[in-house]
Amino acid sequence: MEAVVFVFSLLDCCALIFLSVYFIITLSDLECDYINARSCCSKLNKWVIPELIGHTIVTVLMLISLHWFIFLLNFPVATWNIYRNTQSRAAEVTHERSHDQAWFPLALFLHVSL
């Protein structure tokens, strides 16, 4: 059972790293004015929920399989993802992402690579 959990976690982390790199590339294109804000948000918004689900599943799996250290590493980022998405949904933010959140994909990329 432990091997299945870690193999799934490895595959999920690879997918999360790919998404983080995609977010960073898309946001850098937005910063350089290669794409406009609406098209950037339409590209990124469809990947926010899968990213949230993927990270939450790994966090819950580590809790269930009693790997406390890995759970404690993943819990703050999963909590931040849930908080960020519930707040933006509650405020009904339009398509535009704020530039204040542009640092988060980089922080997530660094955290997932641990």
PDB file of N, CA and C in Angstrom:
ATOM      1  N   MET A   1       0.821  -1.200   0.000  1.00  0.00           N
ATOM      2  CA  MET A   1       0.000   0.000   0.000  1.00  0.00           C
ATOM      3  C   MET A   1       0.866   1.265   0.000  1.00  0.00           C
ATOM      4  N   GLU A   2       1.964   1.212   0.778  1.00  0.00           N
ATOM      5  CA  GLU A   2       2.822   2.385   0.853  1.00  0.00           C
ATOM      6  C   GLU A   2       3.450   2.716  -0.494  1.00  0.00           C
ATOM      7  N   ALA A   3       3.822   1.693  -1.238  1.00  0.00           N
ATOM      8  CA  ALA A   3       4.426   1.914  -2.546  1.00  0.00           C
ATOM      9  C   ALA A   3       3.438   2.584  -3.494  1.00  0.00           C
ATOM     10  N   VAL A   4       2.181   2.175  -3.434  1.00  0.00           N
ATOM     11  CA  VAL A   4       1.158   2.776  -4.301  1.00  0.00           C
ATOM     12  C   VAL A   4       0.970   4.249  -3.956  1.00  0.00           C
ATOM     13  N   VAL A   5       0.963   4.565  -2.668  1.00  0.00           N
ATOM     14  CA  VAL A   5       0.804   5.961  -2.231  1.00  0.00           C
ATOM     15  C   VAL A   5       1.959   6.810  -2.733  1.00  0.00           C
ATOM     16  N   PHE A   6       3.182   6.304  -2.611  1.00  0.00           N
ATOM     17  CA  PHE A   6       4.328   7.101  -3.036  1.00  0.00           C
ATOM     18  C   PHE A   6       4.459   7.193  -4.553  1.00  0.00           C
ATOM     19  N   VAL A   7       4.072   6.160  -5.273  1.00  0.00           N
ATOM     20  CA  VAL A   7       4.086   6.240  -6.740  1.00  0.00           C
ATOM     21  C   VAL A   7       3.054   7.252  -7.210  1.00  0.00           C
ATOM     22  N   PHE A   8       1.852   7.208  -6.622  1.00  0.00           N
ATOM     23  CA  PHE A   8       0.828   8.191  -6.979  1.00  0.00           C
ATOM     24  C   PHE A   8       1.283   9.602  -6.619  1.00  0.00           C
ATOM     25  N   SER A   9       1.919   9.751  -5.460  1.00  0.00           N
ATOM     26  CA  SER A   9       2.425  11.064  -5.053  1.00  0.00           C
ATOM     27  C   SER A   9       3.498  11.573  -6.005  1.00  0.00           C
ATOM     28  N   LEU A  10       4.351  10.677  -6.459  1.00  0.00           N
ATOM     29  CA  LEU A  10       5.387  11.062  -7.414  1.00  0.00           C
ATOM     30  C   LEU A  10       4.776  11.545  -8.724  1.00  0.00           C
ATOM     31  N   LEU A  11       3.811  10.797  -9.243  1.00  0.00           N
ATOM     32  CA  LEU A  11       3.148  11.204 -10.486  1.00  0.00           C
ATOM     33  C   LEU A  11       2.386  12.513 -10.308  1.00  0.00           C
ATOM     34  N   ASP A  12       1.733  12.663  -9.163  1.00  0.00           N
ATOM     35  CA  ASP A  12       0.990  13.888  -8.906  1.00  0.00           C
ATOM     36  C   ASP A  12       1.928  15.082  -8.769  1.00  0.00           C
ATOM     37  N   CYS A  13       3.057  14.887  -8.104  1.00  0.00           N
ATOM     38  CA  CYS A  13       4.029  15.979  -7.973  1.00  0.00           C
ATOM     39  C   CYS A  13       4.624  16.359  -9.325  1.00  0.00           C
ATOM     40  N   CYS A  14       4.832  15.381 -10.190  1.00  0.00           N
ATOM     41  CA  CYS A  14       5.311  15.691 -11.546  1.00  0.00           C
ATOM     42  C   CYS A  14       4.285  16.540 -12.291  1.00  0.00           C
ATOM     43  N   ALA A  15       3.019  16.196 -12.156  1.00  0.00           N
ATOM     44  CA  ALA A  15       1.955  16.980 -12.800  1.00  0.00           C
ATOM     45  C   ALA A  15       1.882  18.383 -12.201  1.00  0.00           C
ATOM     46  N   LEU A  16       2.042  18.503 -10.883  1.00  0.00           N
ATOM     47  CA  LEU A  16       2.005  19.818 -10.243  1.00  0.00           C
ATOM     48  C   LEU A  16       3.200  20.676 -10.644  1.00  0.00           C
ATOM     49  N   ILE A  17       4.359  20.061 -10.810  1.00  0.00           N
ATOM     50  CA  ILE A  17       5.533  20.809 -11.279  1.00  0.00           C
ATOM     51  C   ILE A  17       5.310  21.293 -12.709  1.00  0.00           C
ATOM     52  N   PHE A  18       4.743  20.418 -13.550  1.00  0.00           N
ATOM     53  CA  PHE A  18       4.433  20.822 -14.920  1.00  0.00           C
ATOM     54  C   PHE A  18       3.460  21.996 -14.922  1.00  0.00           C
ATOM     55  N   LEU A  19       2.422  21.930 -14.087  1.00  0.00           N
ATOM     56  CA  LEU A  19       1.459  23.034 -14.014  1.00  0.00           C
ATOM     57  C   LEU A  19       2.110  24.316 -13.508  1.00  0.00           C
ATOM     58  N   SER A  20       2.995  24.193 -12.541  1.00  0.00           N
ATOM     59  CA  SER A  20       3.671  25.386 -12.019  1.00  0.00           C
ATOM     60  C   SER A  20       4.542  26.043 -13.078  1.00  0.00           C
ATOM     61  N   VAL A  21       5.250  25.235 -13.845  1.00  0.00           N
ATOM     62  CA  VAL A  21       6.070  25.780 -14.930  1.00  0.00           C
ATOM     63  C   VAL A  21       5.185  26.431 -15.983  1.00  0.00           C
ATOM     64  N   TYR A  22       4.051  25.789 -16.286  1.00  0.00           N
ATOM     65  CA  TYR A  22       3.106  26.367 -17.250  1.00  0.00           C
ATOM     66  C   TYR A  22       2.567  27.709 -16.742  1.00  0.00           C
ATOM     67  N   PHE A  23       2.247  27.781 -15.445  1.00  0.00           N
ATOM     68  CA  PHE A  23       1.767  29.038 -14.860  1.00  0.00           C
ATOM     69  C   PHE A  23       2.836  30.123 -14.976  1.00  0.00           C
ATOM     70  N   ILE A  24       4.073  29.778 -14.654  1.00  0.00           N
ATOM     71  CA  ILE A  24       5.150  30.760 -14.684  1.00  0.00           C
ATOM     72  C   ILE A  24       5.395  31.255 -16.113  1.00  0.00           C
ATOM     73  N   ILE A  25       5.387  30.356 -17.079  1.00  0.00           N
ATOM     74  CA  ILE A  25       5.600  30.753 -18.474  1.00  0.00           C
ATOM     75  C   ILE A  25       4.461  31.643 -18.952  1.00  0.00           C
ATOM     76  N   THR A  26       3.228  31.268 -18.617  1.00  0.00           N
ATOM     77  CA  THR A  26       2.080  32.074 -19.049  1.00  0.00           C
ATOM     78  C   THR A  26       2.096  33.442 -18.387  1.00  0.00           C
ATOM     79  N   LEU A  27       2.431  33.501 -17.097  1.00  0.00           N
ATOM     80  CA  LEU A  27       2.495  34.796 -16.426  1.00  0.00           C
ATOM     81  C   LEU A  27       3.651  35.654 -16.937  1.00  0.00           C
ATOM     82  N   SER A  28       4.745  35.030 -17.331  1.00  0.00           N
ATOM     83  CA  SER A  28       5.837  35.821 -17.908  1.00  0.00           C
ATOM     84  C   SER A  28       5.448  36.346 -19.289  1.00  0.00           C
ATOM     85  N   ASP A  29       4.662  35.569 -20.042  1.00  0.00           N
ATOM     86  CA  ASP A  29       4.143  36.079 -21.316  1.00  0.00           C
ATOM     87  C   ASP A  29       3.223  37.266 -21.093  1.00  0.00           C
ATOM     88  N   LEU A  30       2.431  37.212 -20.032  1.00  0.00           N
ATOM     89  CA  LEU A  30       1.560  38.336 -19.697  1.00  0.00           C
ATOM     90  C   LEU A  30       2.389  39.555 -19.316  1.00  0.00           C
ATOM     91  N   GLU A  31       3.439  39.344 -18.550  1.00  0.00           N
ATOM     92  CA  GLU A  31       4.279  40.448 -18.117  1.00  0.00           C
ATOM     93  C   GLU A  31       4.987  41.113 -19.303  1.00  0.00           C
ATOM     94  N   CYS A  32       5.368  40.317 -20.281  1.00  0.00           N
ATOM     95  CA  CYS A  32       6.056  40.865 -21.463  1.00  0.00           C
ATOM     96  C   CYS A  32       5.088  41.350 -22.529  1.00  0.00           C
ATOM     97  N   ASP A  33       3.804  41.312 -22.255  1.00  0.00           N
ATOM     98  CA  ASP A  33       2.748  41.761 -23.169  1.00  0.00           C
ATOM     99  C   ASP A  33       2.675  40.952 -24.454  1.00  0.00           C
ATOM    100  N   TYR A  34       3.020  39.660 -24.383  1.00  0.00           N
ATOM    101  CA  TYR A  34       2.810  38.791 -25.538  1.00  0.00           C
ATOM    102  C   TYR A  34       1.354  38.348 -25.637  1.00  0.00           C
ATOM    103  N   ILE A  35       0.681  38.284 -24.486  1.00  0.00           N
ATOM    104  CA  ILE A  35      -0.743  37.951 -24.458  1.00  0.00           C
ATOM    105  C   ILE A  35      -1.436  38.957 -23.552  1.00  0.00           C
ATOM    106  N   ASN A  36      -2.738  39.119 -23.750  1.00  0.00           N
ATOM    107  CA  ASN A  36      -3.463  40.048 -22.899  1.00  0.00           C
ATOM    108  C   ASN A  36      -3.969  39.332 -21.649  1.00  0.00           C
ATOM    109  N   ALA A  37      -4.496  40.102 -20.715  1.00  0.00           N
ATOM    110  CA  ALA A  37      -4.899  39.552 -19.419  1.00  0.00           C
ATOM    111  C   ALA A  37      -6.059  38.562 -19.555  1.00  0.00           C
ATOM    112  N   ARG A  38      -6.979  38.834 -20.429  1.00  0.00           N
ATOM    113  CA  ARG A  38      -8.144  37.948 -20.580  1.00  0.00           C
ATOM    114  C   ARG A  38      -7.730  36.571 -21.104  1.00  0.00           C
ATOM    115  N   SER A  39      -6.850  36.532 -22.098  1.00  0.00           N
ATOM    116  CA  SER A  39      -6.431  35.232 -22.621  1.00  0.00           C
ATOM    117  C   SER A  39      -5.533  34.501 -21.628  1.00  0.00           C
ATOM    118  N   CYS A  40      -4.727  35.252 -20.873  1.00  0.00           N
ATOM    119  CA  CYS A  40      -3.905  34.632 -19.838  1.00  0.00           C
ATOM    120  C   CYS A  40      -4.789  33.974 -18.784  1.00  0.00           C
ATOM    121  N   CYS A  41      -5.808  34.684 -18.353  1.00  0.00           N
ATOM    122  CA  CYS A  41      -6.696  34.138 -17.328  1.00  0.00           C
ATOM    123  C   CYS A  41      -7.509  32.963 -17.853  1.00  0.00           C
ATOM    124  N   SER A  42      -7.908  33.020 -19.101  1.00  0.00           N
ATOM    125  CA  SER A  42      -8.657  31.885 -19.640  1.00  0.00           C
ATOM    126  C   SER A  42      -7.776  30.647 -19.741  1.00  0.00           C
ATOM    127  N   LYS A  43      -6.471  30.850 -19.980  1.00  0.00           N
ATOM    128  CA  LYS A  43      -5.546  29.712 -20.007  1.00  0.00           C
ATOM    129  C   LYS A  43      -5.301  29.151 -18.611  1.00  0.00           C
ATOM    130  N   LEU A  44      -5.158  30.035 -17.632  1.00  0.00           N
ATOM    131  CA  LEU A  44      -4.786  29.596 -16.292  1.00  0.00           C
ATOM    132  C   LEU A  44      -5.971  29.148 -15.442  1.00  0.00           C
ATOM    133  N   ASN A  45      -7.125  29.771 -15.634  1.00  0.00           N
ATOM    134  CA  ASN A  45      -8.270  29.463 -14.778  1.00  0.00           C
ATOM    135  C   ASN A  45      -8.746  28.024 -14.913  1.00  0.00           C
ATOM    136  N   LYS A  46      -8.585  27.434 -16.083  1.00  0.00           N
ATOM    137  CA  LYS A  46      -9.046  26.056 -16.239  1.00  0.00           C
ATOM    138  C   LYS A  46      -8.139  25.052 -15.535  1.00  0.00           C
ATOM    139  N   TRP A  47      -6.947  25.467 -15.087  1.00  0.00           N
ATOM    140  CA  TRP A  47      -6.025  24.559 -14.400  1.00  0.00           C
ATOM    141  C   TRP A  47      -5.961  24.780 -12.903  1.00  0.00           C
ATOM    142  N   VAL A  48      -6.679  25.768 -12.391  1.00  0.00           N
ATOM    143  CA  VAL A  48      -6.621  26.067 -10.954  1.00  0.00           C
ATOM    144  C   VAL A  48      -7.277  24.964 -10.133  1.00  0.00           C
ATOM    145  N   ILE A  49      -8.468  24.544 -10.509  1.00  0.00           N
ATOM    146  CA  ILE A  49      -9.180  23.502  -9.762  1.00  0.00           C
ATOM    147  C   ILE A  49      -8.449  22.150  -9.841  1.00  0.00           C
ATOM    148  N   PRO A  50      -7.961  21.695 -11.022  1.00  0.00           N
ATOM    149  CA  PRO A  50      -7.185  20.449 -11.017  1.00  0.00           C
ATOM    150  C   PRO A  50      -5.927  20.522 -10.141  1.00  0.00           C
ATOM    151  N   GLU A  51      -5.283  21.686 -10.112  1.00  0.00           N
ATOM    152  CA  GLU A  51      -4.122  21.861  -9.240  1.00  0.00           C
ATOM    153  C   GLU A  51      -4.524  21.731  -7.778  1.00  0.00           C
ATOM    154  N   LEU A  52      -5.625  22.349  -7.418  1.00  0.00           N
ATOM    155  CA  LEU A  52      -6.130  22.276  -6.053  1.00  0.00           C
ATOM    156  C   LEU A  52      -6.479  20.842  -5.675  1.00  0.00           C
ATOM    157  N   ILE A  53      -7.152  20.143  -6.547  1.00  0.00           N
ATOM    158  CA  ILE A  53      -7.551  18.759  -6.283  1.00  0.00           C
ATOM    159  C   ILE A  53      -6.321  17.858  -6.158  1.00  0.00           C
ATOM    160  N   GLY A  54      -5.369  18.014  -7.063  1.00  0.00           N
ATOM    161  CA  GLY A  54      -4.164  17.191  -7.022  1.00  0.00           C
ATOM    162  C   GLY A  54      -3.376  17.373  -5.744  1.00  0.00           C
ATOM    163  N   HIS A  55      -3.221  18.621  -5.320  1.00  0.00           N
ATOM    164  CA  HIS A  55      -2.451  18.861  -4.102  1.00  0.00           C
ATOM    165  C   HIS A  55      -3.202  18.392  -2.863  1.00  0.00           C
ATOM    166  N   THR A  56      -4.510  18.567  -2.856  1.00  0.00           N
ATOM    167  CA  THR A  56      -5.305  18.143  -1.703  1.00  0.00           C
ATOM    168  C   THR A  56      -5.333  16.624  -1.583  1.00  0.00           C
ATOM    169  N   ILE A  57      -5.416  15.920  -2.715  1.00  0.00           N
ATOM    170  CA  ILE A  57      -5.427  14.448  -2.673  1.00  0.00           C
ATOM    171  C   ILE A  57      -4.126  13.924  -2.078  1.00  0.00           C
ATOM    172  N   VAL A  58      -2.994  14.471  -2.491  1.00  0.00           N
ATOM    173  CA  VAL A  58      -1.715  14.013  -1.950  1.00  0.00           C
ATOM    174  C   VAL A  58      -1.632  14.315  -0.454  1.00  0.00           C
ATOM    175  N   THR A  59      -2.103  15.478  -0.040  1.00  0.00           N
ATOM    176  CA  THR A  59      -2.070  15.828   1.376  1.00  0.00           C
ATOM    177  C   THR A  59      -2.931  14.875   2.197  1.00  0.00           C
ATOM    178  N   VAL A  60      -4.125  14.567   1.706  1.00  0.00           N
ATOM    179  CA  VAL A  60      -5.008  13.645   2.423  1.00  0.00           C
ATOM    180  C   VAL A  60      -4.422  12.232   2.430  1.00  0.00           C
ATOM    181  N   LEU A  61      -3.828  11.806   1.327  1.00  0.00           N
ATOM    182  CA  LEU A  61      -3.197  10.483   1.299  1.00  0.00           C
ATOM    183  C   LEU A  61      -2.067  10.370   2.317  1.00  0.00           C
ATOM    184  N   MET A  62      -1.290  11.415   2.466  1.00  0.00           N
ATOM    185  CA  MET A  62      -0.216  11.378   3.449  1.00  0.00           C
ATOM    186  C   MET A  62      -0.764  11.366   4.869  1.00  0.00           C
ATOM    187  N   LEU A  63      -1.878  12.015   5.094  1.00  0.00           N
ATOM    188  CA  LEU A  63      -2.513  11.974   6.404  1.00  0.00           C
ATOM    189  C   LEU A  63      -3.062  10.585   6.695  1.00  0.00           C
ATOM    190  N   ILE A  64      -3.725   9.987   5.721  1.00  0.00           N
ATOM    191  CA  ILE A  64      -4.307   8.659   5.912  1.00  0.00           C
ATOM    192  C   ILE A  64      -3.227   7.599   6.095  1.00  0.00           C
ATOM    193  N   SER A  65      -2.135   7.708   5.346  1.00  0.00           N
ATOM    194  CA  SER A  65      -1.074   6.700   5.442  1.00  0.00           C
ATOM    195  C   SER A  65      -0.090   6.982   6.579  1.00  0.00           C
ATOM    196  N   LEU A  66      -0.379   8.008   7.390  1.00  0.00           N
ATOM    197  CA  LEU A  66       0.388   8.337   8.600  1.00  0.00           C
ATOM    198  C   LEU A  66       1.837   8.733   8.324  1.00  0.00           C
ATOM    199  N   HIS A  67       2.059   9.426   7.234  1.00  0.00           N
ATOM    200  CA  HIS A  67       3.373  10.011   6.954  1.00  0.00           C
ATOM    201  C   HIS A  67       3.306  11.474   7.392  1.00  0.00           C
ATOM    202  N   TRP A  68       3.556  11.697   8.663  1.00  0.00           N
ATOM    203  CA  TRP A  68       3.307  12.996   9.282  1.00  0.00           C
ATOM    204  C   TRP A  68       4.206  14.096   8.759  1.00  0.00           C
ATOM    205  N   PHE A  69       5.471  13.793   8.556  1.00  0.00           N
ATOM    206  CA  PHE A  69       6.393  14.834   8.113  1.00  0.00           C
ATOM    207  C   PHE A  69       6.008  15.356   6.724  1.00  0.00           C
ATOM    208  N   ILE A  70       5.710  14.451   5.819  1.00  0.00           N
ATOM    209  CA  ILE A  70       5.319  14.861   4.462  1.00  0.00           C
ATOM    210  C   ILE A  70       3.968  15.570   4.506  1.00  0.00           C
ATOM    211  N   PHE A  71       3.077  15.097   5.364  1.00  0.00           N
ATOM    212  CA  PHE A  71       1.788  15.773   5.536  1.00  0.00           C
ATOM    213  C   PHE A  71       1.998  17.197   6.029  1.00  0.00           C
ATOM    214  N   LEU A  72       2.864  17.377   7.022  1.00  0.00           N
ATOM    215  CA  LEU A  72       3.101  18.719   7.550  1.00  0.00           C
ATOM    216  C   LEU A  72       3.783  19.631   6.540  1.00  0.00           C
ATOM    217  N   LEU A  73       4.545  19.077   5.609  1.00  0.00           N
ATOM    218  CA  LEU A  73       5.121  19.887   4.537  1.00  0.00           C
ATOM    219  C   LEU A  73       4.059  20.331   3.538  1.00  0.00           C
ATOM    220  N   ASN A  74       3.103  19.456   3.244  1.00  0.00           N
ATOM    221  CA  ASN A  74       2.085  19.749   2.238  1.00  0.00           C
ATOM    222  C   ASN A  74       0.891  20.518   2.776  1.00  0.00           C
ATOM    223  N   PHE A  75       0.616  20.415   4.055  1.00  0.00           N
ATOM    224  CA  PHE A  75      -0.592  21.012   4.620  1.00  0.00           C
ATOM    225  C   PHE A  75      -0.674  22.532   4.458  1.00  0.00           C
ATOM    226  N   PRO A  76       0.389  23.308   4.733  1.00  0.00           N
ATOM    227  CA  PRO A  76       0.259  24.766   4.562  1.00  0.00           C
ATOM    228  C   PRO A  76      -0.045  25.182   3.119  1.00  0.00           C
ATOM    229  N   VAL A  77       0.577  24.535   2.152  1.00  0.00           N
ATOM    230  CA  VAL A  77       0.334  24.907   0.753  1.00  0.00           C
ATOM    231  C   VAL A  77      -1.078  24.503   0.329  1.00  0.00           C
ATOM    232  N   ALA A  78      -1.527  23.330   0.760  1.00  0.00           N
ATOM    233  CA  ALA A  78      -2.889  22.899   0.427  1.00  0.00           C
ATOM    234  C   ALA A  78      -3.911  23.833   1.080  1.00  0.00           C
ATOM    235  N   THR A  79      -3.654  24.234   2.317  1.00  0.00           N
ATOM    236  CA  THR A  79      -4.551  25.170   2.999  1.00  0.00           C
ATOM    237  C   THR A  79      -4.576  26.517   2.287  1.00  0.00           C
ATOM    238  N   TRP A  80      -3.425  26.995   1.862  1.00  0.00           N
ATOM    239  CA  TRP A  80      -3.360  28.262   1.136  1.00  0.00           C
ATOM    240  C   TRP A  80      -4.117  28.165  -0.190  1.00  0.00           C
ATOM    241  N   ASN A  81      -3.971  27.041  -0.908  1.00  0.00           N
ATOM    242  CA  ASN A  81      -4.704  26.852  -2.162  1.00  0.00           C
ATOM    243  C   ASN A  81      -6.207  26.888  -1.933  1.00  0.00           C
ATOM    244  N   ILE A  82      -6.673  26.200  -0.910  1.00  0.00           N
ATOM    245  CA  ILE A  82      -8.108  26.185  -0.613  1.00  0.00           C
ATOM    246  C   ILE A  82      -8.574  27.579  -0.230  1.00  0.00           C
ATOM    247  N   TYR A  83      -7.824  28.260   0.616  1.00  0.00           N
ATOM    248  CA  TYR A  83      -8.197  29.615   1.034  1.00  0.00           C
ATOM    249  C   TYR A  83      -8.243  30.571  -0.154  1.00  0.00           C
ATOM    250  N   ARG A  84      -7.213  30.507  -0.990  1.00  0.00           N
ATOM    251  CA  ARG A  84      -7.133  31.402  -2.145  1.00  0.00           C
ATOM    252  C   ARG A  84      -8.302  31.184  -3.102  1.00  0.00           C
ATOM    253  N   ASN A  85      -8.670  29.928  -3.328  1.00  0.00           N
ATOM    254  CA  ASN A  85      -9.753  29.647  -4.259  1.00  0.00           C
ATOM    255  C   ASN A  85     -11.122  29.942  -3.683  1.00  0.00           C
ATOM    256  N   THR A  86     -11.317  29.726  -2.392  1.00  0.00           N
ATOM    257  CA  THR A  86     -12.621  30.045  -1.808  1.00  0.00           C
ATOM    258  C   THR A  86     -12.812  31.550  -1.712  1.00  0.00           C
ATOM    259  N   GLN A  87     -11.754  32.302  -1.447  1.00  0.00           N
ATOM    260  CA  GLN A  87     -11.876  33.753  -1.376  1.00  0.00           C
ATOM    261  C   GLN A  87     -12.146  34.363  -2.740  1.00  0.00           C
ATOM    262  N   SER A  88     -11.483  33.870  -3.763  1.00  0.00           N
ATOM    263  CA  SER A  88     -11.707  34.441  -5.092  1.00  0.00           C
ATOM    264  C   SER A  88     -13.085  34.063  -5.618  1.00  0.00           C
ATOM    265  N   ARG A  89     -13.595  32.884  -5.252  1.00  0.00           N
ATOM    266  CA  ARG A  89     -14.934  32.488  -5.672  1.00  0.00           C
ATOM    267  C   ARG A  89     -15.989  33.295  -4.920  1.00  0.00           C
ATOM    268  N   ALA A  90     -15.737  33.564  -3.639  1.00  0.00           N
ATOM    269  CA  ALA A  90     -16.717  34.308  -2.845  1.00  0.00           C
ATOM    270  C   ALA A  90     -16.804  35.756  -3.308  1.00  0.00           C
ATOM    271  N   ALA A  91     -15.678  36.331  -3.685  1.00  0.00           N
ATOM    272  CA  ALA A  91     -15.681  37.720  -4.127  1.00  0.00           C
ATOM    273  C   ALA A  91     -16.097  37.850  -5.588  1.00  0.00           C
ATOM    274  N   GLU A  92     -16.203  36.730  -6.284  1.00  0.00           N
ATOM    275  CA  GLU A  92     -16.550  36.697  -7.702  1.00  0.00           C
ATOM    276  C   GLU A  92     -15.655  37.636  -8.505  1.00  0.00           C
ATOM    277  N   VAL A  93     -14.390  37.356  -8.426  1.00  0.00           N
ATOM    278  CA  VAL A  93     -13.395  38.134  -9.146  1.00  0.00           C
ATOM    279  C   VAL A  93     -13.591  37.897 -10.640  1.00  0.00           C
ATOM    280  N   THR A  94     -13.410  38.929 -11.417  1.00  0.00           N
ATOM    281  CA  THR A  94     -13.535  38.782 -12.857  1.00  0.00           C
ATOM    282  C   THR A  94     -12.356  37.993 -13.389  1.00  0.00           C
ATOM    283  N   HIS A  95     -12.157  38.007 -14.670  1.00  0.00           N
ATOM    284  CA  HIS A  95     -11.144  37.172 -15.299  1.00  0.00           C
ATOM    285  C   HIS A  95      -9.719  37.586 -14.978  1.00  0.00           C
ATOM    286  N   GLU A  96      -9.532  38.775 -14.451  1.00  0.00           N
ATOM    287  CA  GLU A  96      -8.176  39.264 -14.279  1.00  0.00           C
ATOM    288  C   GLU A  96      -7.574  38.772 -12.976  1.00  0.00           C
ATOM    289  N   ARG A  97      -6.344  38.274 -13.053  1.00  0.00           N
ATOM    290  CA  ARG A  97      -5.588  37.870 -11.864  1.00  0.00           C
ATOM    291  C   ARG A  97      -4.783  39.066 -11.388  1.00  0.00           C
ATOM    292  N   SER A  98      -4.637  39.157 -10.083  1.00  0.00           N
ATOM    293  CA  SER A  98      -3.858  40.277  -9.582  1.00  0.00           C
ATOM    294  C   SER A  98      -2.368  39.966  -9.700  1.00  0.00           C
ATOM    295  N   HIS A  99      -1.579  40.996  -9.872  1.00  0.00           N
ATOM    296  CA  HIS A  99      -0.131  40.797  -9.984  1.00  0.00           C
ATOM    297  C   HIS A  99       0.477  40.464  -8.624  1.00  0.00           C
ATOM    298  N   ASP A 100      -0.294  40.669  -7.537  1.00  0.00           N
ATOM    299  CA  ASP A 100       0.212  40.309  -6.211  1.00  0.00           C
ATOM    300  C   ASP A 100       0.328  38.803  -6.053  1.00  0.00           C
ATOM    301  N   GLN A 101      -0.433  38.025  -6.814  1.00  0.00           N
ATOM    302  CA  GLN A 101      -0.394  36.574  -6.700  1.00  0.00           C
ATOM    303  C   GLN A 101       0.583  35.944  -7.689  1.00  0.00           C
ATOM    304  N   ALA A 102       1.306  36.744  -8.412  1.00  0.00           N
ATOM    305  CA  ALA A 102       2.224  36.206  -9.416  1.00  0.00           C
ATOM    306  C   ALA A 102       3.389  35.454  -8.783  1.00  0.00           C
ATOM    307  N   TRP A 103       3.715  35.725  -7.540  1.00  0.00           N
ATOM    308  CA  TRP A 103       4.805  35.027  -6.863  1.00  0.00           C
ATOM    309  C   TRP A 103       4.397  33.627  -6.448  1.00  0.00           C
ATOM    310  N   PHE A 104       3.100  33.341  -6.331  1.00  0.00           N
ATOM    311  CA  PHE A 104       2.661  32.072  -5.753  1.00  0.00           C
ATOM    312  C   PHE A 104       3.046  30.859  -6.586  1.00  0.00           C
ATOM    313  N   PRO A 105       2.924  30.859  -7.922  1.00  0.00           N
ATOM    314  CA  PRO A 105       3.362  29.667  -8.661  1.00  0.00           C
ATOM    315  C   PRO A 105       4.842  29.350  -8.457  1.00  0.00           C
ATOM    316  N   LEU A 106       5.669  30.378  -8.316  1.00  0.00           N
ATOM    317  CA  LEU A 106       7.083  30.135  -8.056  1.00  0.00           C
ATOM    318  C   LEU A 106       7.273  29.505  -6.680  1.00  0.00           C
ATOM    319  N   ALA A 107       6.553  30.010  -5.685  1.00  0.00           N
ATOM    320  CA  ALA A 107       6.650  29.429  -4.345  1.00  0.00           C
ATOM    321  C   ALA A 107       6.151  27.991  -4.336  1.00  0.00           C
ATOM    322  N   LEU A 108       5.082  27.723  -5.073  1.00  0.00           N
ATOM    323  CA  LEU A 108       4.562  26.360  -5.159  1.00  0.00           C
ATOM    324  C   LEU A 108       5.557  25.453  -5.871  1.00  0.00           C
ATOM    325  N   PHE A 109       6.186  25.968  -6.921  1.00  0.00           N
ATOM    326  CA  PHE A 109       7.196  25.191  -7.647  1.00  0.00           C
ATOM    327  C   PHE A 109       8.348  24.824  -6.722  1.00  0.00           C
ATOM    328  N   LEU A 110       8.797  25.754  -5.907  1.00  0.00           N
ATOM    329  CA  LEU A 110       9.879  25.474  -4.981  1.00  0.00           C
ATOM    330  C   LEU A 110       9.450  24.486  -3.909  1.00  0.00           C
ATOM    331  N   HIS A 111       8.205  24.601  -3.460  1.00  0.00           N
ATOM    332  CA  HIS A 111       7.711  23.704  -2.413  1.00  0.00           C
ATOM    333  C   HIS A 111       7.522  22.295  -2.948  1.00  0.00           C
ATOM    334  N   VAL A 112       6.986  22.147  -4.143  1.00  0.00           N
ATOM    335  CA  VAL A 112       6.745  20.826  -4.716  1.00  0.00           C
ATOM    336  C   VAL A 112       8.063  20.129  -5.003  1.00  0.00           C
ATOM    337  N   SER A 113       9.100  20.892  -5.325  1.00  0.00           N
ATOM    338  CA  SER A 113      10.375  20.275  -5.636  1.00  0.00           C
ATOM    339  C   SER A 113      11.103  19.746  -4.398  1.00  0.00           C
ATOM    340  N   LEU A 114      10.604  20.067  -3.208  1.00  0.00           N
ATOM    341  CA  LEU A 114      11.209  19.523  -1.990  1.00  0.00           C
ATOM    342  C   LEU A 114      10.940  18.071  -1.975  1.00  0.00           C
TER     343      LEU A 114
END
